[in-house]
């Protein structure tokens, strides 16, 4: 088993979930400034797309990162072992610290191609993919992110299958594919997973994922269930202070401007893609709804700054 940088991280390990259209380079820069996780993940990319003439440029753009973001893991999805092996080689050459295989995404388009959560129903293919990635990864640690089952709890069979492949890290979202993102996440099942890890692959790190709302909760969950770390998803959107503090309203507003300027600096083509972040930042204070509505109309970073400045002049914010 190649463990690489993982064995050097302080526990509990804190990670931000790979979210398409969210965890891009600009998003990660905000966390570098206000409080980084133990390890970054990229947005996920298609193994087939990375190898195709049409998708390669897009995938390589998604996989861009700065040295100060390390350690950083690239996540890949797909259903073809041969494509995974070649994609793993490319990712290793790009300088990533690890490669993660997506075996939990419930997106129907991804599943139609044999990837994501559909692999839970095809453990033989899942095993082939893990072995293919290991061959192409050039000694980089290989990890998997998955769920507790497809339509029902399949921990004993599915998780055991993955652990027997001696992966460096297993991240488990404590819901089935059928449950999607509907709460609650079944964190109590983590004890069973930890026992299986101890039996079949003692060196594999286990990260839990699902409905974590705060840094304090993340630390409590890791301690309570004996997990090596926690992966946080939706709660970090619009909150680059997740691992450090609760921001003031003024800090949130300044971060909207800063995030927009960084997004533009990295030359993203579609400015509207950042607006999901604006929506997340602008919550929990007087006038937030009005501000969100105005931010949805902006076309560039300059208009974002003007909108925030006009909002502040309105003296709507109250401590």
Protein backbone atom coordinates (compact mmCIF):
# COMPACT_ATOMS: atom_id res chain seq x y z
CA UNK A 1 0.00 0.00 0.00
CA UNK A 2 1.26 3.47 -0.93
CA UNK A 3 0.31 5.92 1.84
CA UNK A 4 2.37 8.92 0.72
CA UNK A 5 1.54 12.20 2.43
CA UNK A 6 -1.42 10.71 4.31
CA UNK A 7 0.69 9.20 7.07
CA UNK A 8 2.16 12.62 7.86
CA UNK A 9 -1.17 14.38 8.47
CA UNK A 10 -2.27 15.22 11.98
CA UNK A 11 -5.52 13.56 13.06
CA UNK A 12 -8.36 14.15 12.86
CA UNK A 13 -7.78 14.86 9.18
CA UNK A 14 -10.08 17.54 7.78
CA UNK A 15 -10.97 17.53 4.09
CA UNK A 16 -13.32 19.47 1.83
CA UNK A 17 -15.47 17.29 -0.40
CA UNK A 18 -14.89 17.42 -4.16
CA UNK A 19 -17.90 19.32 -5.50
CA UNK A 20 -18.38 19.96 -9.20
CA UNK A 21 -18.59 23.65 -9.99
CA UNK A 22 -17.69 24.55 -6.41
CA UNK A 23 -14.24 23.45 -5.23
CA UNK A 24 -12.33 25.16 -8.02
CA UNK A 25 -9.03 27.05 -7.81
CA UNK A 26 -10.62 30.33 -6.68
CA UNK A 27 -12.53 28.53 -3.93
CA UNK A 28 -9.33 26.91 -2.68
CA UNK A 29 -7.51 30.25 -2.61
CA UNK A 30 -10.12 31.58 -0.21
CA UNK A 31 -9.42 28.68 2.16
CA UNK A 32 -5.67 29.23 1.90
CA UNK A 33 -6.22 32.73 3.24
CA UNK A 34 -8.86 32.12 5.89
CA UNK A 35 -8.15 28.59 7.13
CA UNK A 36 -7.20 25.59 5.03
CA UNK A 37 -8.23 21.96 5.56
CA UNK A 38 -5.64 19.23 6.09
CA UNK A 39 -5.90 18.28 2.42
CA UNK A 40 -7.59 19.73 -0.65
CA UNK A 41 -9.59 17.82 -3.27
CA UNK A 42 -10.18 19.08 -6.80
CA UNK A 43 -13.55 19.04 -8.49
CA UNK A 44 -13.99 15.62 -10.05
CA UNK A 45 -13.08 15.01 -13.68
CA UNK A 46 -13.97 12.26 -16.13
CA UNK A 47 -11.26 9.70 -16.88
CA UNK A 48 -12.58 9.42 -20.43
CA UNK A 49 -12.82 13.21 -20.73
CA UNK A 50 -9.22 13.69 -19.68
CA UNK A 51 -8.18 11.42 -22.54
CA UNK A 52 -10.45 12.86 -25.24
CA UNK A 53 -9.67 15.68 -27.65
CA UNK A 54 -12.92 17.42 -26.77
CA UNK A 55 -12.72 17.16 -22.98
CA UNK A 56 -8.99 17.25 -22.28
CA UNK A 57 -8.63 21.05 -22.18
CA UNK A 58 -11.57 21.41 -19.82
CA UNK A 59 -10.33 18.65 -17.50
CA UNK A 60 -6.81 20.07 -17.39
CA UNK A 61 -8.26 23.47 -16.46
CA UNK A 62 -10.20 21.88 -13.61
CA UNK A 63 -7.03 20.14 -12.44
CA UNK A 64 -4.89 23.28 -12.27
CA UNK A 65 -3.52 24.06 -8.82
CA UNK A 66 -0.80 26.12 -7.15
CA UNK A 67 2.08 24.56 -5.18
CA UNK A 68 0.90 26.17 -1.93
CA UNK A 69 -2.34 24.14 -2.15
CA UNK A 70 -0.46 20.87 -1.56
CA UNK A 71 -1.27 18.31 -0.37
CA UNK A 72 -3.99 18.07 -2.99
CA UNK A 73 -5.85 15.06 -4.37
CA UNK A 74 -7.43 14.75 -7.82
CA UNK A 75 -10.75 12.93 -8.00
CA UNK A 76 -11.69 10.96 -11.12
CA UNK A 77 -14.89 9.25 -12.20
CA UNK A 78 -15.74 6.78 -14.95
CA UNK A 79 -16.35 3.14 -15.69
CA UNK A 80 -13.47 1.99 -17.87
CA UNK A 81 -10.34 0.58 -16.14
CA UNK A 82 -8.13 1.29 -19.16
CA UNK A 83 -9.13 4.96 -19.14
CA UNK A 84 -8.54 5.15 -15.40
CA UNK A 85 -5.03 3.76 -15.74
CA UNK A 86 -4.08 6.32 -18.39
CA UNK A 87 -5.79 9.14 -16.47
CA UNK A 88 -3.89 8.16 -13.32
CA UNK A 89 -0.60 8.46 -15.18
CA UNK A 90 -1.51 11.96 -16.37
CA UNK A 91 -2.56 13.01 -12.87
CA UNK A 92 0.70 11.72 -11.40
CA UNK A 93 2.64 13.70 -13.99
CA UNK A 94 0.71 16.85 -13.06
CA UNK A 95 2.18 16.69 -9.57
CA UNK A 96 -0.79 15.68 -7.45
CA UNK A 97 -0.25 14.08 -4.07
CA UNK A 98 -2.96 11.46 -4.46
CA UNK A 99 -5.71 10.10 -6.71
CA UNK A 100 -9.26 9.51 -5.51
CA UNK A 101 -11.83 7.36 -7.31
CA UNK A 102 -15.44 8.52 -7.23
CA UNK A 103 -17.66 5.55 -6.39
CA UNK A 104 -20.50 7.44 -4.73
CA UNK A 105 -21.85 10.22 -6.95
CA UNK A 106 -25.60 9.68 -7.59
CA UNK A 107 -25.67 11.76 -10.78
CA UNK A 108 -27.61 9.80 -13.42
CA UNK A 109 -25.37 10.82 -16.32
CA UNK A 110 -22.29 9.59 -14.49
CA UNK A 111 -24.02 6.35 -13.57
CA UNK A 112 -25.05 5.74 -17.18
CA UNK A 113 -21.35 5.66 -18.06
CA UNK A 114 -20.71 3.04 -15.39
CA UNK A 115 -19.21 5.42 -12.84
CA UNK A 116 -20.07 6.99 -9.52
CA UNK A 117 -22.50 5.12 -7.28
CA UNK A 118 -23.29 2.58 -10.01
CA UNK A 119 -20.01 0.87 -9.13
CA UNK A 120 -21.57 -0.22 -5.83
CA UNK A 121 -23.67 -2.58 -7.93
CA UNK A 122 -20.64 -3.78 -9.86
CA UNK A 123 -17.93 -4.64 -7.31
CA UNK A 124 -15.92 -6.67 -9.82
CA UNK A 125 -15.52 -3.60 -12.02
CA UNK A 126 -14.76 -1.44 -8.98
CA UNK A 127 -11.89 -3.74 -8.09
CA UNK A 128 -10.58 -3.65 -11.68
CA UNK A 129 -10.65 0.15 -11.58
CA UNK A 130 -8.76 0.38 -8.28
CA UNK A 131 -6.05 -1.93 -9.60
CA UNK A 132 -5.85 0.00 -12.87
CA UNK A 133 -5.42 3.30 -11.04
CA UNK A 134 -2.67 1.79 -8.89
CA UNK A 135 -0.84 0.69 -12.02
CA UNK A 136 -0.99 4.14 -13.54
CA UNK A 137 -0.50 6.19 -10.37
CA UNK A 138 3.29 5.86 -10.17
CA UNK A 139 3.32 5.17 -6.42
CA UNK A 140 0.83 7.91 -5.55
CA UNK A 141 -1.63 6.86 -2.81
CA UNK A 142 -5.00 5.75 -4.17
CA UNK A 143 -8.23 6.46 -2.29
CA UNK A 144 -11.94 5.87 -2.81
CA UNK A 145 -15.02 7.92 -1.93
CA UNK A 146 -18.26 5.97 -1.76
CA UNK A 147 -21.55 5.39 0.09
CA UNK A 148 -22.89 2.73 2.47
CA UNK A 149 -24.82 1.02 -0.30
CA UNK A 150 -27.01 1.55 -3.35
CA UNK A 151 -30.62 0.89 -2.32
CA UNK A 152 -29.84 -0.40 1.16
CA UNK A 153 -27.06 -0.86 3.68
CA UNK A 154 -24.40 -2.98 1.96
CA UNK A 155 -21.48 -2.25 4.26
CA UNK A 156 -20.48 -5.83 5.02
CA UNK A 157 -20.11 -6.74 1.33
CA UNK A 158 -19.27 -3.48 -0.41
CA UNK A 159 -16.91 -1.84 2.09
CA UNK A 160 -15.11 -5.14 2.67
CA UNK A 161 -14.52 -5.46 -1.09
CA UNK A 162 -12.88 -2.02 -1.17
CA UNK A 163 -10.78 -2.55 1.95
CA UNK A 164 -9.36 -5.79 0.58
CA UNK A 165 -7.75 -3.72 -2.20
CA UNK A 166 -5.43 -1.98 0.30
CA UNK A 167 -6.42 1.57 -0.55
CA UNK A 168 -4.76 4.40 1.37
CA UNK A 169 -8.00 6.15 2.33
CA UNK A 170 -11.68 5.29 2.24
CA UNK A 171 -14.15 8.15 2.55
CA UNK A 172 -17.70 7.04 3.28
CA UNK A 173 -20.79 9.18 2.82
CA UNK A 174 -23.17 7.70 5.37
CA UNK A 175 -26.19 7.44 3.08
CA UNK A 176 -27.18 5.07 0.31
CA UNK A 177 -27.28 6.15 -3.31
CA UNK A 178 -31.10 6.01 -3.13
CA UNK A 179 -31.15 8.44 -0.21
CA UNK A 180 -29.10 10.99 -2.16
CA UNK A 181 -28.47 13.93 0.14
CA UNK A 182 -31.63 13.67 2.22
CA UNK A 183 -30.79 13.71 5.95
CA UNK A 184 -30.06 12.26 8.32
CA UNK A 185 -26.71 10.67 7.56
CA UNK A 186 -26.23 7.36 9.40
CA UNK A 187 -23.06 8.12 11.33
CA UNK A 188 -23.66 5.27 13.78
CA UNK A 189 -22.69 2.86 10.98
CA UNK A 190 -19.13 4.17 11.06
CA UNK A 191 -18.34 1.84 13.97
CA UNK A 192 -19.00 -1.18 11.76
CA UNK A 193 -16.79 0.26 9.02
CA UNK A 194 -13.94 0.92 11.43
CA UNK A 195 -14.15 -2.71 12.63
CA UNK A 196 -13.95 -3.95 9.04
CA UNK A 197 -10.97 -1.70 8.41
CA UNK A 198 -9.19 -3.05 11.46
CA UNK A 199 -9.82 -6.60 10.23
CA UNK A 200 -9.02 -6.31 6.52
CA UNK A 201 -6.77 -3.27 6.03
CA UNK A 202 -5.45 -1.73 9.27
CA UNK A 203 -3.40 0.92 7.45
CA UNK A 204 -6.37 2.33 5.53
CA UNK A 205 -7.58 5.68 6.88
CA UNK A 206 -11.35 6.13 7.25
CA UNK A 207 -12.95 9.53 6.66
CA UNK A 208 -16.64 10.14 7.35
CA UNK A 209 -18.91 12.40 5.33
CA UNK A 210 -22.50 13.65 5.51
CA UNK A 211 -24.37 16.59 7.08
CA UNK A 212 -21.45 18.01 9.07
CA UNK A 213 -22.43 21.55 10.01
CA UNK A 214 -19.41 22.90 11.92
CA UNK A 215 -15.74 22.34 12.70
CA UNK A 216 -16.62 21.52 16.30
CA UNK A 217 -19.09 18.87 15.13
CA UNK A 218 -16.49 17.42 12.77
CA UNK A 219 -13.99 16.97 15.60
CA UNK A 220 -16.66 15.48 17.86
CA UNK A 221 -17.75 12.96 15.22
CA UNK A 222 -14.19 11.83 14.58
CA UNK A 223 -13.59 11.30 18.28
CA UNK A 224 -16.95 9.66 19.00
CA UNK A 225 -16.73 7.10 16.20
CA UNK A 226 -12.98 6.49 16.07
CA UNK A 227 -12.59 7.93 12.58
CA UNK A 228 -9.29 9.18 11.16
CA UNK A 229 -10.92 12.26 9.75
CA UNK A 230 -13.97 14.03 8.38
CA UNK A 231 -14.87 15.30 4.92
CA UNK A 232 -17.15 18.35 4.80
CA UNK A 233 -19.33 19.27 1.84
CA UNK A 234 -22.11 21.84 1.67
CA UNK A 235 -21.29 23.53 4.98
CA UNK A 236 -18.05 24.98 3.59
CA UNK A 237 -19.70 26.73 0.64
CA UNK A 238 -19.64 30.45 1.32
CA UNK A 239 -17.66 29.80 4.48
CA UNK A 240 -13.86 29.81 4.04
CA UNK A 241 -13.65 30.41 7.80
CA UNK A 242 -15.13 26.95 8.51
CA UNK A 243 -11.94 25.69 10.15
CA UNK A 244 -11.13 28.88 12.08
CA UNK A 245 -13.96 31.14 13.25
CA UNK A 246 -17.40 32.64 12.74
CA UNK A 247 -17.06 35.69 10.45
CA UNK A 248 -18.73 39.06 10.87
CA UNK A 249 -21.16 40.36 8.27
CA UNK A 250 -18.53 42.80 7.03
CA UNK A 251 -16.06 39.96 6.57
CA UNK A 252 -18.61 38.01 4.55
CA UNK A 253 -19.26 40.99 2.29
CA UNK A 254 -15.56 41.67 1.73
CA UNK A 255 -15.06 37.97 0.94
CA UNK A 256 -17.69 38.15 -1.80
CA UNK A 257 -15.65 40.88 -3.49
CA UNK A 258 -12.39 39.04 -2.96
CA UNK A 259 -13.73 35.71 -4.23
CA UNK A 260 -15.08 37.40 -7.38
CA UNK A 261 -11.74 39.07 -8.05
CA UNK A 262 -9.80 35.82 -7.62
CA UNK A 263 -12.30 33.98 -9.85
CA UNK A 264 -11.71 36.58 -12.58
CA UNK A 265 -7.95 36.45 -12.08
CA UNK A 266 -7.97 32.73 -12.85
CA UNK A 267 -9.76 33.54 -16.12
CA UNK A 268 -12.86 31.44 -15.72
CA UNK A 269 -15.00 31.88 -18.83
CA UNK A 270 -18.46 31.85 -17.28
CA UNK A 271 -18.83 34.41 -14.50
CA UNK A 272 -22.28 33.09 -13.60
CA UNK A 273 -20.62 29.94 -12.24
CA UNK A 274 -19.45 31.84 -9.16
CA UNK A 275 -22.92 33.04 -8.21
CA UNK A 276 -23.70 29.92 -6.18
CA UNK A 277 -20.98 31.17 -3.84
CA UNK A 278 -22.53 34.64 -3.62
CA UNK A 279 -25.80 33.04 -2.63
CA UNK A 280 -24.06 31.11 0.13
CA UNK A 281 -22.11 34.09 1.50
CA UNK A 282 -25.11 36.41 1.58
CA UNK A 283 -27.18 34.77 4.29
CA UNK A 284 -28.07 35.44 7.92
CA UNK A 285 -28.19 39.23 8.08
CA UNK A 286 -30.65 42.03 7.44
CA UNK A 287 -31.00 42.81 3.76
CA UNK A 288 -29.35 39.55 2.68
CA UNK A 289 -32.21 38.57 0.39
CA UNK A 290 -32.08 41.92 -1.41
CA UNK A 291 -28.32 41.65 -1.76
CA UNK A 292 -28.54 38.13 -3.18
CA UNK A 293 -31.06 39.26 -5.76
CA UNK A 294 -28.77 42.09 -6.86
CA UNK A 295 -25.70 39.87 -6.97
CA UNK A 296 -27.49 37.46 -9.30
CA UNK A 297 -27.61 40.29 -11.87
CA UNK A 298 -23.92 41.21 -11.92
CA UNK A 299 -21.72 40.39 -14.89
CA UNK A 300 -18.18 40.79 -13.55
CA UNK A 301 -16.05 41.42 -10.46
CA UNK A 302 -16.27 45.21 -10.78
CA UNK A 303 -20.05 45.05 -10.64
CA UNK A 304 -19.82 42.78 -7.60
CA UNK A 305 -17.70 45.34 -5.77
CA UNK A 306 -20.05 48.18 -6.74
CA UNK A 307 -23.07 46.18 -5.58
CA UNK A 308 -21.51 45.44 -2.18
CA UNK A 309 -20.40 49.06 -1.72
CA UNK A 310 -23.90 50.33 -2.55
CA UNK A 311 -25.36 47.84 -0.10
CA UNK A 312 -23.07 49.07 2.65
CA UNK A 313 -23.97 52.68 1.97
CA UNK A 314 -27.60 51.76 2.52
CA UNK A 315 -26.81 51.22 6.19
CA UNK A 316 -29.01 48.10 6.20
CA UNK A 317 -26.59 45.95 8.19
CA UNK A 318 -27.11 45.78 11.92
CA UNK A 319 -24.68 44.13 14.36
